[in-house]
């Protein structure tokens, strides 16, 4: 059954309306007709089966048949803080991270970024990233669209670390048998957690050039744990996906604990 996210104000008690690109996709691309059924979600955890009633250019109206229990969301809330990579790599991180189960994405600036940050382009870029998160959430049958936050400075990111139960700073110098692995750091966080079933975690991933020792020291001083993701050096876009997949597995999302 086709799935769409709608604005919360368009999700009523008995009816729901889709507008803009979603209405066009439903009517023109999918060629649906009155009587067809879809799944709708407000992107914040409310979801329902709805039957199409009226289709007009730019607007589709449907009657809500039944509310559905939310089943596509992980128990742990994992945010990915990604230093701005070059090209379209951030789009890939957001798309695949949404599919895997990320709760939010925080782009940030760091010392060894390859890309030149242009604040004037941030609005359009954020709009593009949020659209990618929405489409990936629909494809993956998520009930919540992951938030994509505005770009933070390095100091802004460091100041935000205290918001999480644990922050894992992915650092290549921790790779190998002598360093601290992600699983070891997670087990330590679980031992200290008030509610291990509802952790709020942050994964911090550096740019193509990696983090500096100063950044690692500042992150540690702010409460982050430096962790390795194995013996091999991963590309920046790969590191985020590997860390997310490992955490989803450890949370029981894939049948393991």
Protein backbone atom coordinates (compact mmCIF):
# COMPACT_ATOMS: atom_id res chain seq x y z
CA UNK A 1 0.00 0.00 0.00
CA UNK A 2 1.39 3.40 -1.01
CA UNK A 3 2.51 5.58 1.92
CA UNK A 4 2.50 9.38 2.19
CA UNK A 5 3.43 11.94 4.85
CA UNK A 6 1.04 14.85 5.30
CA UNK A 7 1.19 18.05 7.32
CA UNK A 8 -0.14 17.61 10.85
CA UNK A 9 -2.80 20.27 10.26
CA UNK A 10 -4.10 18.31 7.23
CA UNK A 11 -4.51 15.14 9.31
CA UNK A 12 -7.99 15.47 10.85
CA UNK A 13 -10.02 13.16 13.01
CA UNK A 14 -12.00 11.69 10.10
CA UNK A 15 -10.37 13.05 6.94
CA UNK A 16 -6.93 13.81 5.54
CA UNK A 17 -5.73 15.96 2.63
CA UNK A 18 -2.62 15.67 0.47
CA UNK A 19 -1.38 18.65 -1.51
CA UNK A 20 1.40 19.71 -3.85
CA UNK A 21 3.90 17.13 -5.06
CA UNK A 22 2.32 14.29 -3.08
CA UNK A 23 -1.09 14.95 -4.61
CA UNK A 24 0.47 15.08 -8.07
CA UNK A 25 2.39 11.84 -7.48
CA UNK A 26 -0.70 10.05 -6.21
CA UNK A 27 -3.02 11.18 -9.01
CA UNK A 28 -0.72 11.52 -12.02
CA UNK A 29 2.15 9.10 -11.37
CA UNK A 30 0.40 6.33 -9.43
CA UNK A 31 -2.91 7.00 -11.27
CA UNK A 32 -5.00 6.24 -8.20
CA UNK A 33 -8.75 6.73 -8.19
CA UNK A 34 -11.52 7.29 -5.62
CA UNK A 35 -11.92 4.13 -3.56
CA UNK A 36 -8.21 3.27 -3.56
CA UNK A 37 -6.55 3.03 -0.16
CA UNK A 38 -3.27 4.53 1.07
CA UNK A 39 -1.35 4.84 4.34
CA UNK A 40 -0.89 8.37 5.67
CA UNK A 41 1.30 9.64 8.49
CA UNK A 42 1.77 13.06 10.04
CA UNK A 43 5.52 12.41 10.39
CA UNK A 44 5.32 12.60 14.17
CA UNK A 45 4.04 9.12 14.96
CA UNK A 46 0.35 9.21 13.95
CA UNK A 47 -0.55 6.91 11.09
CA UNK A 48 -3.75 5.69 9.43
CA UNK A 49 -5.27 3.81 6.50
CA UNK A 50 -7.33 6.18 4.33
CA UNK A 51 -9.64 5.73 1.33
CA UNK A 52 -9.45 8.27 -1.47
CA UNK A 53 -12.61 10.33 -1.91
CA UNK A 54 -11.81 13.24 -4.21
CA UNK A 55 -8.89 13.94 -6.56
CA UNK A 56 -8.34 17.40 -8.02
CA UNK A 57 -5.23 19.15 -9.43
CA UNK A 58 -2.94 19.85 -6.50
CA UNK A 59 -5.19 18.36 -3.83
CA UNK A 60 -6.40 14.89 -2.85
CA UNK A 61 -8.92 14.23 -0.07
CA UNK A 62 -9.41 10.91 1.71
CA UNK A 63 -11.49 9.43 4.52
CA UNK A 64 -9.65 7.86 7.45
CA UNK A 65 -10.67 4.22 7.88
CA UNK A 66 -8.54 3.24 10.86
CA UNK A 67 -5.60 4.41 12.90
CA UNK A 68 -2.59 2.11 12.83
CA UNK A 69 -0.11 1.32 15.60
CA UNK A 70 3.33 2.76 14.92
CA UNK A 71 5.69 -0.08 14.10
CA UNK A 72 8.51 1.35 11.97
CA UNK A 73 10.47 3.22 14.61
CA UNK A 74 13.49 2.02 16.64
CA UNK A 75 13.38 1.98 20.42
CA UNK A 76 16.65 3.92 20.60
CA UNK A 77 16.85 7.45 19.22
CA UNK A 78 20.13 7.72 17.29
CA UNK A 79 21.18 11.06 15.83
CA UNK A 80 23.96 11.26 13.23
CA UNK A 81 26.20 14.31 13.45
CA UNK A 82 28.02 14.42 10.13
CA UNK A 83 30.81 16.86 9.27
CA UNK A 84 29.96 18.36 5.89
CA UNK A 85 31.36 16.11 3.16
CA UNK A 86 31.97 17.11 -0.44
CA UNK A 87 29.63 16.50 -3.36
CA UNK A 88 26.34 14.77 -2.71
CA UNK A 89 27.64 12.54 0.09
CA UNK A 90 25.46 14.25 2.70
CA UNK A 91 22.41 13.32 0.63
CA UNK A 92 23.55 9.69 0.68
CA UNK A 93 24.08 9.77 4.46
CA UNK A 94 20.58 11.17 4.99
CA UNK A 95 18.89 8.80 2.56
CA UNK A 96 20.52 5.60 3.78
CA UNK A 97 20.61 6.73 7.41
CA UNK A 98 16.85 7.30 7.29
CA UNK A 99 16.32 3.82 5.87
CA UNK A 100 18.48 2.27 8.60
CA UNK A 101 16.68 4.10 11.41
CA UNK A 102 18.33 7.42 12.29
CA UNK A 103 16.17 9.77 14.36
CA UNK A 104 17.87 12.98 13.19
CA UNK A 105 20.84 14.41 11.31
CA UNK A 106 23.08 17.26 12.44
CA UNK A 107 25.47 18.62 9.77
CA UNK A 108 28.43 20.49 11.25
CA UNK A 109 31.68 22.20 10.36
CA UNK A 110 35.09 20.87 11.35
CA UNK A 111 38.74 21.75 10.73
CA UNK A 112 39.55 19.32 7.94
CA UNK A 113 36.43 19.76 5.85
CA UNK A 114 37.15 19.55 2.13
CA UNK A 115 33.97 21.35 1.10
CA UNK A 116 33.75 25.15 1.36
CA UNK A 117 30.75 26.02 3.52
CA UNK A 118 28.53 28.74 2.02
CA UNK A 119 25.94 30.05 4.46
CA UNK A 120 23.99 31.70 1.63
CA UNK A 121 23.16 28.30 0.17
CA UNK A 122 22.09 26.73 3.46
CA UNK A 123 18.35 27.33 3.02
CA UNK A 124 18.11 25.55 -0.33
CA UNK A 125 20.40 22.79 0.83
CA UNK A 126 18.36 22.17 3.98
CA UNK A 127 15.19 22.05 1.90
CA UNK A 128 16.79 19.47 -0.38
CA UNK A 129 18.07 17.35 2.54
CA UNK A 130 14.68 17.40 4.28
CA UNK A 131 12.94 16.32 1.10
CA UNK A 132 15.36 13.39 0.80
CA UNK A 133 14.65 12.40 4.43
CA UNK A 134 10.89 12.52 3.77
CA UNK A 135 11.08 10.40 0.62
CA UNK A 136 13.42 7.87 2.27
CA UNK A 137 11.09 7.65 5.29
CA UNK A 138 8.14 6.91 2.99
CA UNK A 139 10.10 4.26 1.10
CA UNK A 140 11.28 2.61 4.33
CA UNK A 141 7.80 2.69 5.93
CA UNK A 142 8.95 4.95 8.73
CA UNK A 143 6.30 6.61 10.89
CA UNK A 144 8.48 9.62 11.69
CA UNK A 145 10.50 11.79 9.34
CA UNK A 146 14.00 12.26 10.77
CA UNK A 147 14.80 15.89 11.52
CA UNK A 148 17.60 17.49 9.51
CA UNK A 149 19.00 20.32 11.61
CA UNK A 150 20.69 23.49 10.36
CA UNK A 151 24.48 23.34 10.04
CA UNK A 152 26.28 23.80 13.37
CA UNK A 153 29.71 25.22 14.02
CA UNK A 154 32.19 22.92 15.77
CA UNK A 155 31.69 24.73 19.06
CA UNK A 156 27.93 24.47 18.64
CA UNK A 157 28.18 20.72 18.15
CA UNK A 158 30.40 20.29 21.21
CA UNK A 159 27.93 22.29 23.30
CA UNK A 160 25.10 19.98 22.21
CA UNK A 161 26.74 16.73 23.41
CA UNK A 162 25.21 16.99 26.88
CA UNK A 163 21.72 16.49 25.39
CA UNK A 164 22.39 12.78 24.81
CA UNK A 165 22.70 9.74 27.04
CA UNK A 166 25.91 8.93 25.20
CA UNK A 167 27.89 10.51 22.35
CA UNK A 168 30.20 8.28 20.28
CA UNK A 169 32.99 10.16 18.52
CA UNK A 170 34.16 8.02 15.58
CA UNK A 171 37.95 8.34 15.51
CA UNK A 172 40.27 6.31 13.30
CA UNK A 173 42.97 6.27 15.99
CA UNK A 174 40.70 4.06 18.10
CA UNK A 175 40.57 1.37 15.37
CA UNK A 176 42.16 -2.00 15.95
CA UNK A 177 42.34 -4.33 18.92
CA UNK A 178 43.92 -1.82 21.33
CA UNK A 179 41.34 0.97 20.94
CA UNK A 180 37.83 1.38 22.29
CA UNK A 181 35.26 -0.17 19.99
CA UNK A 182 31.71 1.07 19.50
CA UNK A 183 30.25 -1.99 21.20
CA UNK A 184 32.42 -1.56 24.30
CA UNK A 185 31.40 2.09 24.60
CA UNK A 186 27.74 1.16 24.13
CA UNK A 187 27.87 -1.47 26.85
CA UNK A 188 29.29 1.12 29.24
CA UNK A 189 26.48 3.52 28.33
CA UNK A 190 23.86 0.82 28.85
CA UNK A 191 25.24 0.05 32.31
CA UNK A 192 24.71 3.67 33.33
CA UNK A 193 21.36 4.24 31.59
CA UNK A 194 18.21 4.91 33.59
CA UNK A 195 16.12 3.25 30.85
CA UNK A 196 18.26 1.06 28.55
CA UNK A 197 15.29 0.48 26.22
CA UNK A 198 14.99 4.18 25.31
CA UNK A 199 18.51 5.51 24.85
CA UNK A 200 19.16 8.86 23.19
CA UNK A 201 22.46 8.47 21.35
CA UNK A 202 24.68 10.61 19.13
CA UNK A 203 27.16 9.34 16.54
CA UNK A 204 29.74 11.94 15.47
CA UNK A 205 31.43 11.35 12.11
CA UNK A 206 34.28 13.42 10.69
CA UNK A 207 34.97 14.70 7.16
CA UNK A 208 37.11 13.12 4.45
CA UNK A 209 40.26 14.37 6.20
CA UNK A 210 39.25 13.01 9.60
CA UNK A 211 39.27 14.78 12.95
CA UNK A 212 42.22 16.61 14.47
CA UNK A 213 43.63 15.65 17.86
CA UNK A 214 42.36 18.96 19.22
CA UNK A 215 38.81 18.15 18.13
CA UNK A 216 39.04 14.69 19.68
CA UNK A 217 40.27 16.19 22.97
CA UNK A 218 37.50 18.82 23.01
CA UNK A 219 34.84 16.22 22.28
CA UNK A 220 36.12 14.01 25.09
CA UNK A 221 36.20 16.93 27.50
CA UNK A 222 32.54 17.57 26.65
CA UNK A 223 31.61 13.97 27.47
CA UNK A 224 31.94 12.11 24.17
CA UNK A 225 33.61 8.70 24.01
CA UNK A 226 36.09 8.20 21.17
CA UNK A 227 35.38 4.91 19.42
CA UNK A 228 36.72 2.90 16.52
CA UNK A 229 34.66 1.14 13.84
CA UNK A 230 37.06 -1.69 13.16
CA UNK A 231 40.55 -2.12 11.77
CA UNK A 232 39.82 -0.59 8.38
CA UNK A 233 39.59 3.10 7.48
CA UNK A 234 36.06 3.90 6.30
CA UNK A 235 34.90 6.67 4.01
CA UNK A 236 32.98 9.38 5.82
CA UNK A 237 29.63 8.36 4.30
CA UNK A 238 30.32 4.69 5.08
CA UNK A 239 31.19 5.33 8.73
CA UNK A 240 27.78 6.82 9.51
CA UNK A 241 25.96 3.82 8.02
CA UNK A 242 28.17 1.27 9.74
CA UNK A 243 27.76 2.91 13.15
CA UNK A 244 23.98 3.18 12.69
CA UNK A 245 23.61 -0.43 11.58
CA UNK A 246 25.69 -1.64 14.54
CA UNK A 247 23.56 0.33 17.01
CA UNK A 248 20.31 -0.87 15.44
CA UNK A 249 21.53 -4.45 15.78
CA UNK A 250 22.56 -3.98 19.40
CA UNK A 251 19.17 -2.43 20.18
CA UNK A 252 17.42 -5.59 19.00
CA UNK A 253 16.05 -4.07 15.79
CA UNK A 254 17.52 -6.93 13.74
CA UNK A 255 16.82 -9.71 16.18
CA UNK A 256 20.05 -9.56 18.16
CA UNK A 257 21.15 -8.21 21.51
